[in-house]
Amino acid sequence: MKTMTAFLTMMMMAPAASAQQLDVPFEVLEDGEMAGCGGAQVMGLDPNGDGFLSVRTGPGSDYRKIGELYNGDRVGTCARSGQWYGVVYGNPQRVGWVHGNWLGNFAG
């Protein structure tokens, strides 16, 4: 819990998410604070499979892939559409959508 709190504090102090073009945008920052964002960790990916979780421009596998996350990566979860989560991650801060099957240890 302490680690997740430190992660969320770091995310609040990070500059606003880069101006990525999402097909389905979501609110990340509001008045310098996380706007309803929680925290999660990427887990359960098969190391013998692709080994990564695709980050997409919208909540679905038909949307364009814009990044990859790996087991142990931490994300801020700021939106939800069905089983898909709008996330903020990385340094510099980036945004995108990932499938929730591979997110765990939710906080916030």
PDB file of N, CA and C in Angstrom:
ATOM      1  N   MET A   1       0.825  -1.186   0.000  1.00  0.00           N
ATOM      2  CA  MET A   1       0.000   0.000   0.000  1.00  0.00           C
ATOM      3  C   MET A   1       0.872   1.255   0.000  1.00  0.00           C
ATOM      4  N   LYS A   2       1.956   1.215   0.778  1.00  0.00           N
ATOM      5  CA  LYS A   2       2.849   2.364   0.855  1.00  0.00           C
ATOM      6  C   LYS A   2       3.473   2.654  -0.512  1.00  0.00           C
ATOM      7  N   THR A   3       3.846   1.575  -1.251  1.00  0.00           N
ATOM      8  CA  THR A   3       4.442   1.744  -2.573  1.00  0.00           C
ATOM      9  C   THR A   3       3.435   2.359  -3.545  1.00  0.00           C
ATOM     10  N   MET A   4       2.187   1.907  -3.498  1.00  0.00           N
ATOM     11  CA  MET A   4       1.163   2.447  -4.393  1.00  0.00           C
ATOM     12  C   MET A   4       0.894   3.909  -4.060  1.00  0.00           C
ATOM     13  N   THR A   5       0.883   4.275  -2.787  1.00  0.00           N
ATOM     14  CA  THR A   5       0.688   5.669  -2.403  1.00  0.00           C
ATOM     15  C   THR A   5       1.826   6.528  -2.941  1.00  0.00           C
ATOM     16  N   ALA A   6       3.059   6.026  -2.858  1.00  0.00           N
ATOM     17  CA  ALA A   6       4.198   6.765  -3.397  1.00  0.00           C
ATOM     18  C   ALA A   6       4.066   6.925  -4.904  1.00  0.00           C
ATOM     19  N   PHE A   7       3.600   5.880  -5.590  1.00  0.00           N
ATOM     20  CA  PHE A   7       3.407   5.944  -7.039  1.00  0.00           C
ATOM     21  C   PHE A   7       2.379   7.009  -7.389  1.00  0.00           C
ATOM     22  N   LEU A   8       1.246   7.012  -6.700  1.00  0.00           N
ATOM     23  CA  LEU A   8       0.194   7.994  -6.999  1.00  0.00           C
ATOM     24  C   LEU A   8       0.672   9.409  -6.700  1.00  0.00           C
ATOM     25  N   THR A   9       1.463   9.578  -5.648  1.00  0.00           N
ATOM     26  CA  THR A   9       2.021  10.894  -5.334  1.00  0.00           C
ATOM     27  C   THR A   9       2.933  11.345  -6.467  1.00  0.00           C
ATOM     28  N   MET A  10       3.781  10.435  -6.974  1.00  0.00           N
ATOM     29  CA  MET A  10       4.662  10.766  -8.090  1.00  0.00           C
ATOM     30  C   MET A  10       3.840  11.166  -9.308  1.00  0.00           C
ATOM     31  N   MET A  11       2.744  10.448  -9.577  1.00  0.00           N
ATOM     32  CA  MET A  11       1.917  10.743 -10.745  1.00  0.00           C
ATOM     33  C   MET A  11       1.268  12.123 -10.612  1.00  0.00           C
ATOM     34  N   MET A  12       0.888  12.496  -9.395  1.00  0.00           N
ATOM     35  CA  MET A  12       0.272  13.804  -9.206  1.00  0.00           C
ATOM     36  C   MET A  12       1.278  14.917  -9.431  1.00  0.00           C
ATOM     37  N   MET A  13       2.552  14.650  -9.148  1.00  0.00           N
ATOM     38  CA  MET A  13       3.575  15.667  -9.302  1.00  0.00           C
ATOM     39  C   MET A  13       4.124  15.729 -10.725  1.00  0.00           C
ATOM     40  N   ALA A  14       3.845  14.691 -11.530  1.00  0.00           N
ATOM     41  CA  ALA A  14       4.345  14.660 -12.903  1.00  0.00           C
ATOM     42  C   ALA A  14       3.624  15.709 -13.737  1.00  0.00           C
ATOM     43  N   PRO A  15       4.279  16.181 -14.799  1.00  0.00           N
ATOM     44  CA  PRO A  15       3.614  17.130 -15.673  1.00  0.00           C
ATOM     45  C   PRO A  15       2.415  16.481 -16.335  1.00  0.00           C
ATOM     46  N   ALA A  16       1.504  17.297 -16.835  1.00  0.00           N
ATOM     47  CA  ALA A  16       0.310  16.781 -17.502  1.00  0.00           C
ATOM     48  C   ALA A  16       0.707  15.812 -18.607  1.00  0.00           C
ATOM     49  N   ALA A  17      -0.148  14.832 -18.837  1.00  0.00           N
ATOM     50  CA  ALA A  17       0.128  13.816 -19.849  1.00  0.00           C
ATOM     51  C   ALA A  17       0.430  14.467 -21.190  1.00  0.00           C
ATOM     52  N   SER A  18       1.407  13.873 -21.873  1.00  0.00           N
ATOM     53  CA  SER A  18       1.783  14.412 -23.173  1.00  0.00           C
ATOM     54  C   SER A  18       0.578  14.436 -24.092  1.00  0.00           C
ATOM     55  N   ALA A  19       0.618  15.303 -25.066  1.00  0.00           N
ATOM     56  CA  ALA A  19      -0.515  15.524 -25.955  1.00  0.00           C
ATOM     57  C   ALA A  19      -0.643  14.388 -26.960  1.00  0.00           C
ATOM     58  N   GLN A  20      -0.909  13.194 -26.472  1.00  0.00           N
ATOM     59  CA  GLN A  20      -1.127  12.056 -27.338  1.00  0.00           C
ATOM     60  C   GLN A  20      -2.527  12.159 -27.921  1.00  0.00           C
ATOM     61  N   GLN A  21      -2.669  11.657 -29.122  1.00  0.00           N
ATOM     62  CA  GLN A  21      -3.981  11.646 -29.753  1.00  0.00           C
ATOM     63  C   GLN A  21      -4.692  10.340 -29.426  1.00  0.00           C
ATOM     64  N   LEU A  22      -5.624  10.390 -28.485  1.00  0.00           N
ATOM     65  CA  LEU A  22      -6.444   9.228 -28.175  1.00  0.00           C
ATOM     66  C   LEU A  22      -7.735   9.327 -28.974  1.00  0.00           C
ATOM     67  N   ASP A  23      -8.201   8.200 -29.477  1.00  0.00           N
ATOM     68  CA  ASP A  23      -9.488   8.189 -30.156  1.00  0.00           C
ATOM     69  C   ASP A  23     -10.623   8.352 -29.157  1.00  0.00           C
ATOM     70  N   VAL A  24     -10.401   7.878 -27.929  1.00  0.00           N
ATOM     71  CA  VAL A  24     -11.371   8.029 -26.845  1.00  0.00           C
ATOM     72  C   VAL A  24     -10.630   8.648 -25.666  1.00  0.00           C
ATOM     73  N   PRO A  25     -10.585   9.990 -25.603  1.00  0.00           N
ATOM     74  CA  PRO A  25      -9.860  10.657 -24.512  1.00  0.00           C
ATOM     75  C   PRO A  25     -10.586  10.532 -23.172  1.00  0.00           C
ATOM     76  N   PHE A  26      -9.849  10.737 -22.096  1.00  0.00           N
ATOM     77  CA  PHE A  26     -10.419  10.740 -20.744  1.00  0.00           C
ATOM     78  C   PHE A  26      -9.673  11.769 -19.918  1.00  0.00           C
ATOM     79  N   GLU A  27     -10.290  12.201 -18.835  1.00  0.00           N
ATOM     80  CA  GLU A  27      -9.727  13.222 -17.940  1.00  0.00           C
ATOM     81  C   GLU A  27      -8.634  12.604 -17.077  1.00  0.00           C
ATOM     82  N   VAL A  28      -7.467  13.246 -17.048  1.00  0.00           N
ATOM     83  CA  VAL A  28      -6.359  12.754 -16.231  1.00  0.00           C
ATOM     84  C   VAL A  28      -6.088  13.683 -15.065  1.00  0.00           C
ATOM     85  N   LEU A  29      -5.919  14.963 -15.320  1.00  0.00           N
ATOM     86  CA  LEU A  29      -5.588  15.917 -14.267  1.00  0.00           C
ATOM     87  C   LEU A  29      -6.664  16.985 -14.173  1.00  0.00           C
ATOM     88  N   GLU A  30      -6.905  17.402 -12.970  1.00  0.00           N
ATOM     89  CA  GLU A  30      -7.886  18.452 -12.733  1.00  0.00           C
ATOM     90  C   GLU A  30      -7.361  19.309 -11.597  1.00  0.00           C
ATOM     91  N   ASP A  31      -7.055  20.558 -11.882  1.00  0.00           N
ATOM     92  CA  ASP A  31      -6.523  21.474 -10.871  1.00  0.00           C
ATOM     93  C   ASP A  31      -5.281  20.911 -10.182  1.00  0.00           C
ATOM     94  N   GLY A  32      -4.428  20.200 -10.953  1.00  0.00           N
ATOM     95  CA  GLY A  32      -3.189  19.686 -10.396  1.00  0.00           C
ATOM     96  C   GLY A  32      -3.327  18.431  -9.570  1.00  0.00           C
ATOM     97  N   GLU A  33      -4.537  17.845  -9.493  1.00  0.00           N
ATOM     98  CA  GLU A  33      -4.732  16.635  -8.719  1.00  0.00           C
ATOM     99  C   GLU A  33      -5.301  15.552  -9.614  1.00  0.00           C
ATOM    100  N   MET A  34      -5.070  14.293  -9.245  1.00  0.00           N
ATOM    101  CA  MET A  34      -5.625  13.183 -10.001  1.00  0.00           C
ATOM    102  C   MET A  34      -7.144  13.261  -9.900  1.00  0.00           C
ATOM    103  N   ALA A  35      -7.809  13.228 -11.046  1.00  0.00           N
ATOM    104  CA  ALA A  35      -9.261  13.343 -11.094  1.00  0.00           C
ATOM    105  C   ALA A  35      -9.882  11.950 -11.063  1.00  0.00           C
ATOM    106  N   GLY A  36     -10.098  11.430  -9.865  1.00  0.00           N
ATOM    107  CA  GLY A  36     -10.737  10.130  -9.731  1.00  0.00           C
ATOM    108  C   GLY A  36      -9.869   8.965 -10.154  1.00  0.00           C
ATOM    109  N   CYS A  37      -8.549   9.140 -10.200  1.00  0.00           N
ATOM    110  CA  CYS A  37      -7.656   8.065 -10.621  1.00  0.00           C
ATOM    111  C   CYS A  37      -7.257   7.199  -9.433  1.00  0.00           C
ATOM    112  N   GLY A  38      -7.207   5.897  -9.671  1.00  0.00           N
ATOM    113  CA  GLY A  38      -6.708   4.951  -8.687  1.00  0.00           C
ATOM    114  C   GLY A  38      -5.367   4.433  -9.158  1.00  0.00           C
ATOM    115  N   GLY A  39      -4.933   3.323  -8.635  1.00  0.00           N
ATOM    116  CA  GLY A  39      -3.671   2.745  -9.056  1.00  0.00           C
ATOM    117  C   GLY A  39      -3.808   1.254  -9.260  1.00  0.00           C
ATOM    118  N   ALA A  40      -2.995   0.697 -10.139  1.00  0.00           N
ATOM    119  CA  ALA A  40      -2.994  -0.739 -10.400  1.00  0.00           C
ATOM    120  C   ALA A  40      -1.613  -1.151 -10.881  1.00  0.00           C
ATOM    121  N   GLN A  41      -1.410  -2.460 -10.937  1.00  0.00           N
ATOM    122  CA  GLN A  41      -0.144  -3.015 -11.393  1.00  0.00           C
ATOM    123  C   GLN A  41      -0.435  -4.034 -12.487  1.00  0.00           C
ATOM    124  N   VAL A  42       0.407  -4.044 -13.525  1.00  0.00           N
ATOM    125  CA  VAL A  42       0.280  -5.029 -14.601  1.00  0.00           C
ATOM    126  C   VAL A  42       0.775  -6.368 -14.064  1.00  0.00           C
ATOM    127  N   MET A  43      -0.044  -7.425 -14.247  1.00  0.00           N
ATOM    128  CA  MET A  43       0.339  -8.740 -13.749  1.00  0.00           C
ATOM    129  C   MET A  43      -0.372  -9.830 -14.537  1.00  0.00           C
ATOM    130  N   GLY A  44       0.210 -11.015 -14.517  1.00  0.00           N
ATOM    131  CA  GLY A  44      -0.417 -12.169 -15.139  1.00  0.00           C
ATOM    132  C   GLY A  44      -0.104 -12.369 -16.614  1.00  0.00           C
ATOM    133  N   LEU A  45       0.780 -11.537 -17.177  1.00  0.00           N
ATOM    134  CA  LEU A  45       1.154 -11.710 -18.580  1.00  0.00           C
ATOM    135  C   LEU A  45       2.019 -12.951 -18.728  1.00  0.00           C
ATOM    136  N   ASP A  46       1.830 -13.709 -19.792  1.00  0.00           N
ATOM    137  CA  ASP A  46       2.586 -14.926 -20.048  1.00  0.00           C
ATOM    138  C   ASP A  46       3.964 -14.565 -20.594  1.00  0.00           C
ATOM    139  N   PRO A  47       5.029 -14.842 -19.838  1.00  0.00           N
ATOM    140  CA  PRO A  47       6.375 -14.502 -20.323  1.00  0.00           C
ATOM    141  C   PRO A  47       6.764 -15.303 -21.569  1.00  0.00           C
ATOM    142  N   ASN A  48       6.060 -16.410 -21.820  1.00  0.00           N
ATOM    143  CA  ASN A  48       6.325 -17.215 -23.008  1.00  0.00           C
ATOM    144  C   ASN A  48       5.423 -16.818 -24.173  1.00  0.00           C
ATOM    145  N   GLY A  49       4.531 -15.882 -23.919  1.00  0.00           N
ATOM    146  CA  GLY A  49       3.666 -15.361 -24.977  1.00  0.00           C
ATOM    147  C   GLY A  49       4.258 -14.057 -25.487  1.00  0.00           C
ATOM    148  N   ASP A  50       3.387 -13.093 -25.791  1.00  0.00           N
ATOM    149  CA  ASP A  50       3.876 -11.785 -26.227  1.00  0.00           C
ATOM    150  C   ASP A  50       4.684 -11.110 -25.129  1.00  0.00           C
ATOM    151  N   GLY A  51       4.275 -11.331 -23.858  1.00  0.00           N
ATOM    152  CA  GLY A  51       5.008 -10.766 -22.736  1.00  0.00           C
ATOM    153  C   GLY A  51       4.726  -9.305 -22.470  1.00  0.00           C
ATOM    154  N   PHE A  52       3.759  -8.710 -23.186  1.00  0.00           N
ATOM    155  CA  PHE A  52       3.426  -7.312 -22.950  1.00  0.00           C
ATOM    156  C   PHE A  52       1.920  -7.100 -23.060  1.00  0.00           C
ATOM    157  N   LEU A  53       1.488  -5.999 -22.471  1.00  0.00           N
ATOM    158  CA  LEU A  53       0.099  -5.561 -22.531  1.00  0.00           C
ATOM    159  C   LEU A  53       0.051  -4.347 -23.453  1.00  0.00           C
ATOM    160  N   SER A  54      -0.709  -4.450 -24.521  1.00  0.00           N
ATOM    161  CA  SER A  54      -0.803  -3.345 -25.478  1.00  0.00           C
ATOM    162  C   SER A  54      -1.569  -2.173 -24.894  1.00  0.00           C
ATOM    163  N   VAL A  55      -1.030  -0.975 -25.096  1.00  0.00           N
ATOM    164  CA  VAL A  55      -1.707   0.268 -24.741  1.00  0.00           C
ATOM    165  C   VAL A  55      -2.311   0.789 -26.040  1.00  0.00           C
ATOM    166  N   ARG A  56      -3.593   1.146 -26.020  1.00  0.00           N
ATOM    167  CA  ARG A  56      -4.306   1.530 -27.236  1.00  0.00           C
ATOM    168  C   ARG A  56      -4.946   2.915 -27.113  1.00  0.00           C
ATOM    169  N   THR A  57      -5.387   3.448 -28.251  1.00  0.00           N
ATOM    170  CA  THR A  57      -5.980   4.792 -28.287  1.00  0.00           C
ATOM    171  C   THR A  57      -7.438   4.815 -27.855  1.00  0.00           C
ATOM    172  N   GLY A  58      -8.023   3.660 -27.622  1.00  0.00           N
ATOM    173  CA  GLY A  58      -9.405   3.576 -27.182  1.00  0.00           C
ATOM    174  C   GLY A  58      -9.662   2.239 -26.524  1.00  0.00           C
ATOM    175  N   PRO A  59     -10.858   2.076 -25.935  1.00  0.00           N
ATOM    176  CA  PRO A  59     -11.183   0.866 -25.183  1.00  0.00           C
ATOM    177  C   PRO A  59     -11.627  -0.299 -26.066  1.00  0.00           C
ATOM    178  N   GLY A  60     -10.669  -0.888 -26.769  1.00  0.00           N
ATOM    179  CA  GLY A  60     -10.970  -2.048 -27.604  1.00  0.00           C
ATOM    180  C   GLY A  60      -9.758  -2.443 -28.432  1.00  0.00           C
ATOM    181  N   SER A  61      -9.704  -3.718 -28.810  1.00  0.00           N
ATOM    182  CA  SER A  61      -8.546  -4.201 -29.564  1.00  0.00           C
ATOM    183  C   SER A  61      -8.519  -3.700 -31.003  1.00  0.00           C
ATOM    184  N   ASP A  62      -9.601  -3.083 -31.466  1.00  0.00           N
ATOM    185  CA  ASP A  62      -9.609  -2.507 -32.812  1.00  0.00           C
ATOM    186  C   ASP A  62      -8.929  -1.137 -32.864  1.00  0.00           C
ATOM    187  N   TYR A  63      -8.671  -0.549 -31.717  1.00  0.00           N
ATOM    188  CA  TYR A  63      -7.997   0.750 -31.682  1.00  0.00           C
ATOM    189  C   TYR A  63      -6.490   0.567 -31.881  1.00  0.00           C
ATOM    190  N   ARG A  64      -5.852   1.602 -32.381  1.00  0.00           N
ATOM    191  CA  ARG A  64      -4.424   1.587 -32.682  1.00  0.00           C
ATOM    192  C   ARG A  64      -3.580   1.394 -31.413  1.00  0.00           C
ATOM    193  N   LYS A  65      -2.539   0.559 -31.516  1.00  0.00           N
ATOM    194  CA  LYS A  65      -1.603   0.324 -30.423  1.00  0.00           C
ATOM    195  C   LYS A  65      -0.601   1.476 -30.372  1.00  0.00           C
ATOM    196  N   ILE A  66      -0.415   2.039 -29.161  1.00  0.00           N
ATOM    197  CA  ILE A  66       0.497   3.176 -29.007  1.00  0.00           C
ATOM    198  C   ILE A  66       1.596   2.922 -27.979  1.00  0.00           C
ATOM    199  N   GLY A  67       1.570   1.757 -27.332  1.00  0.00           N
ATOM    200  CA  GLY A  67       2.589   1.471 -26.335  1.00  0.00           C
ATOM    201  C   GLY A  67       2.470   0.060 -25.804  1.00  0.00           C
ATOM    202  N   GLU A  68       3.381  -0.285 -24.909  1.00  0.00           N
ATOM    203  CA  GLU A  68       3.402  -1.597 -24.271  1.00  0.00           C
ATOM    204  C   GLU A  68       3.717  -1.450 -22.789  1.00  0.00           C
ATOM    205  N   LEU A  69       3.076  -2.292 -21.977  1.00  0.00           N
ATOM    206  CA  LEU A  69       3.364  -2.369 -20.550  1.00  0.00           C
ATOM    207  C   LEU A  69       3.754  -3.807 -20.231  1.00  0.00           C
ATOM    208  N   TYR A  70       4.480  -3.993 -19.118  1.00  0.00           N
ATOM    209  CA  TYR A  70       5.008  -5.307 -18.765  1.00  0.00           C
ATOM    210  C   TYR A  70       4.651  -5.645 -17.327  1.00  0.00           C
ATOM    211  N   ASN A  71       4.711  -6.954 -16.978  1.00  0.00           N
ATOM    212  CA  ASN A  71       4.457  -7.376 -15.608  1.00  0.00           C
ATOM    213  C   ASN A  71       5.240  -6.501 -14.637  1.00  0.00           C
ATOM    214  N   GLY A  72       4.565  -6.014 -13.610  1.00  0.00           N
ATOM    215  CA  GLY A  72       5.193  -5.177 -12.594  1.00  0.00           C
ATOM    216  C   GLY A  72       5.070  -3.686 -12.850  1.00  0.00           C
ATOM    217  N   ASP A  73       4.747  -3.283 -14.093  1.00  0.00           N
ATOM    218  CA  ASP A  73       4.559  -1.850 -14.370  1.00  0.00           C
ATOM    219  C   ASP A  73       3.356  -1.341 -13.596  1.00  0.00           C
ATOM    220  N   ARG A  74       3.455  -0.114 -13.112  1.00  0.00           N
ATOM    221  CA  ARG A  74       2.364   0.508 -12.362  1.00  0.00           C
ATOM    222  C   ARG A  74       1.699   1.563 -13.219  1.00  0.00           C
ATOM    223  N   VAL A  75       0.390   1.656 -13.064  1.00  0.00           N
ATOM    224  CA  VAL A  75      -0.394   2.619 -13.832  1.00  0.00           C
ATOM    225  C   VAL A  75      -1.398   3.294 -12.917  1.00  0.00           C
ATOM    226  N   GLY A  76      -1.806   4.490 -13.301  1.00  0.00           N
ATOM    227  CA  GLY A  76      -2.935   5.147 -12.669  1.00  0.00           C
ATOM    228  C   GLY A  76      -4.165   4.840 -13.516  1.00  0.00           C
ATOM    229  N   THR A  77      -5.224   4.363 -12.902  1.00  0.00           N
ATOM    230  CA  THR A  77      -6.458   4.054 -13.632  1.00  0.00           C
ATOM    231  C   THR A  77      -7.415   5.224 -13.470  1.00  0.00           C
ATOM    232  N   CYS A  78      -7.730   5.872 -14.588  1.00  0.00           N
ATOM    233  CA  CYS A  78      -8.500   7.115 -14.534  1.00  0.00           C
ATOM    234  C   CYS A  78      -9.873   7.024 -15.183  1.00  0.00           C
ATOM    235  N   ALA A  79     -10.117   5.976 -15.952  1.00  0.00           N
ATOM    236  CA  ALA A  79     -11.399   5.826 -16.637  1.00  0.00           C
ATOM    237  C   ALA A  79     -11.663   4.343 -16.840  1.00  0.00           C
ATOM    238  N   ARG A  80     -12.922   4.012 -17.102  1.00  0.00           N
ATOM    239  CA  ARG A  80     -13.278   2.616 -17.367  1.00  0.00           C
ATOM    240  C   ARG A  80     -14.388   2.574 -18.401  1.00  0.00           C
ATOM    241  N   SER A  81     -14.255   1.627 -19.322  1.00  0.00           N
ATOM    242  CA  SER A  81     -15.286   1.353 -20.313  1.00  0.00           C
ATOM    243  C   SER A  81     -15.355  -0.159 -20.468  1.00  0.00           C
ATOM    244  N   GLY A  82     -16.339  -0.772 -19.826  1.00  0.00           N
ATOM    245  CA  GLY A  82     -16.415  -2.233 -19.810  1.00  0.00           C
ATOM    246  C   GLY A  82     -15.200  -2.799 -19.104  1.00  0.00           C
ATOM    247  N   GLN A  83     -14.457  -3.675 -19.777  1.00  0.00           N
ATOM    248  CA  GLN A  83     -13.272  -4.288 -19.183  1.00  0.00           C
ATOM    249  C   GLN A  83     -11.998  -3.522 -19.516  1.00  0.00           C
ATOM    250  N   TRP A  84     -12.126  -2.359 -20.132  1.00  0.00           N
ATOM    251  CA  TRP A  84     -10.967  -1.548 -20.520  1.00  0.00           C
ATOM    252  C   TRP A  84     -10.792  -0.377 -19.564  1.00  0.00           C
ATOM    253  N   TYR A  85      -9.519  -0.048 -19.266  1.00  0.00           N
ATOM    254  CA  TYR A  85      -9.201   1.051 -18.351  1.00  0.00           C
ATOM    255  C   TYR A  85      -8.379   2.112 -19.062  1.00  0.00           C
ATOM    256  N   GLY A  86      -8.758   3.370 -18.852  1.00  0.00           N
ATOM    257  CA  GLY A  86      -7.947   4.496 -19.284  1.00  0.00           C
ATOM    258  C   GLY A  86      -6.863   4.683 -18.247  1.00  0.00           C
ATOM    259  N   VAL A  87      -5.600   4.607 -18.675  1.00  0.00           N
ATOM    260  CA  VAL A  87      -4.486   4.637 -17.721  1.00  0.00           C
ATOM    261  C   VAL A  87      -3.511   5.754 -18.044  1.00  0.00           C
ATOM    262  N   VAL A  88      -2.794   6.158 -17.001  1.00  0.00           N
ATOM    263  CA  VAL A  88      -1.665   7.077 -17.120  1.00  0.00           C
ATOM    264  C   VAL A  88      -0.456   6.313 -16.597  1.00  0.00           C
ATOM    265  N   TYR A  89       0.677   6.435 -17.299  1.00  0.00           N
ATOM    266  CA  TYR A  89       1.844   5.636 -16.942  1.00  0.00           C
ATOM    267  C   TYR A  89       3.112   6.306 -17.465  1.00  0.00           C
ATOM    268  N   GLY A  90       4.243   5.844 -16.952  1.00  0.00           N
ATOM    269  CA  GLY A  90       5.544   6.228 -17.482  1.00  0.00           C
ATOM    270  C   GLY A  90       6.053   7.586 -17.060  1.00  0.00           C
ATOM    271  N   ASN A  91       7.295   7.812 -17.447  1.00  0.00           N
ATOM    272  CA  ASN A  91       7.967   9.079 -17.217  1.00  0.00           C
ATOM    273  C   ASN A  91       8.834   9.366 -18.442  1.00  0.00           C
ATOM    274  N   PRO A  92       8.447  10.253 -19.337  1.00  0.00           N
ATOM    275  CA  PRO A  92       7.365  11.219 -19.176  1.00  0.00           C
ATOM    276  C   PRO A  92       5.999  10.530 -19.201  1.00  0.00           C
ATOM    277  N   GLN A  93       5.066  11.189 -18.598  1.00  0.00           N
ATOM    278  CA  GLN A  93       3.726  10.664 -18.439  1.00  0.00           C
ATOM    279  C   GLN A  93       3.032  10.462 -19.778  1.00  0.00           C
ATOM    280  N   ARG A  94       2.427   9.285 -19.949  1.00  0.00           N
ATOM    281  CA  ARG A  94       1.675   8.950 -21.162  1.00  0.00           C
ATOM    282  C   ARG A  94       0.299   8.447 -20.764  1.00  0.00           C
ATOM    283  N   VAL A  95      -0.611   8.418 -21.708  1.00  0.00           N
ATOM    284  CA  VAL A  95      -1.967   7.936 -21.452  1.00  0.00           C
ATOM    285  C   VAL A  95      -2.372   6.946 -22.533  1.00  0.00           C
ATOM    286  N   GLY A  96      -3.326   6.096 -22.205  1.00  0.00           N
ATOM    287  CA  GLY A  96      -3.856   5.148 -23.168  1.00  0.00           C
ATOM    288  C   GLY A  96      -4.851   4.221 -22.493  1.00  0.00           C
ATOM    289  N   TRP A  97      -5.327   3.246 -23.249  1.00  0.00           N
ATOM    290  CA  TRP A  97      -6.310   2.276 -22.765  1.00  0.00           C
ATOM    291  C   TRP A  97      -5.705   0.874 -22.753  1.00  0.00           C
ATOM    292  N   VAL A  98      -5.984   0.102 -21.680  1.00  0.00           N
ATOM    293  CA  VAL A  98      -5.525  -1.280 -21.576  1.00  0.00           C
ATOM    294  C   VAL A  98      -6.678  -2.166 -21.105  1.00  0.00           C
ATOM    295  N   HIS A  99      -6.583  -3.454 -21.431  1.00  0.00           N
ATOM    296  CA  HIS A  99      -7.603  -4.407 -20.978  1.00  0.00           C
ATOM    297  C   HIS A  99      -7.359  -4.752 -19.510  1.00  0.00           C
ATOM    298  N   GLY A 100      -8.416  -4.781 -18.741  1.00  0.00           N
ATOM    299  CA  GLY A 100      -8.318  -4.998 -17.301  1.00  0.00           C
ATOM    300  C   GLY A 100      -7.963  -6.407 -16.864  1.00  0.00           C
ATOM    301  N   ASN A 101      -7.954  -7.381 -17.784  1.00  0.00           N
ATOM    302  CA  ASN A 101      -7.595  -8.755 -17.385  1.00  0.00           C
ATOM    303  C   ASN A 101      -6.205  -8.827 -16.789  1.00  0.00           C
ATOM    304  N   TRP A 102      -5.343  -7.885 -17.130  1.00  0.00           N
ATOM    305  CA  TRP A 102      -3.946  -7.940 -16.688  1.00  0.00           C
ATOM    306  C   TRP A 102      -3.591  -6.812 -15.728  1.00  0.00           C
ATOM    307  N   LEU A 103      -4.606  -6.285 -15.046  1.00  0.00           N
ATOM    308  CA  LEU A 103      -4.375  -5.275 -14.000  1.00  0.00           C
ATOM    309  C   LEU A 103      -4.804  -5.859 -12.672  1.00  0.00           C
ATOM    310  N   GLY A 104      -3.998  -5.650 -11.650  1.00  0.00           N
ATOM    311  CA  GLY A 104      -4.333  -6.130 -10.320  1.00  0.00           C
ATOM    312  C   GLY A 104      -3.809  -5.200  -9.259  1.00  0.00           C
ATOM    313  N   ASN A 105      -4.006  -5.585  -7.987  1.00  0.00           N
ATOM    314  CA  ASN A 105      -3.557  -4.770  -6.859  1.00  0.00           C
ATOM    315  C   ASN A 105      -4.095  -3.351  -6.930  1.00  0.00           C
ATOM    316  N   PHE A 106      -5.370  -3.217  -7.235  1.00  0.00           N
ATOM    317  CA  PHE A 106      -5.974  -1.886  -7.350  1.00  0.00           C
ATOM    318  C   PHE A 106      -5.938  -1.155  -6.039  1.00  0.00           C
ATOM    319  N   ALA A 107      -5.674   0.158  -6.119  1.00  0.00           N
ATOM    320  CA  ALA A 107      -5.698   1.029  -4.941  1.00  0.00           C
ATOM    321  C   ALA A 107      -6.363   2.339  -5.348  1.00  0.00           C
ATOM    322  N   GLY A 108      -7.049   2.951  -4.433  1.00  0.00           N
ATOM    323  CA  GLY A 108      -7.651   4.245  -4.697  1.00  0.00           C
ATOM    324  C   GLY A 108      -9.050   4.185  -5.187  1.00  0.00           C
TER     325      GLY A 108
END
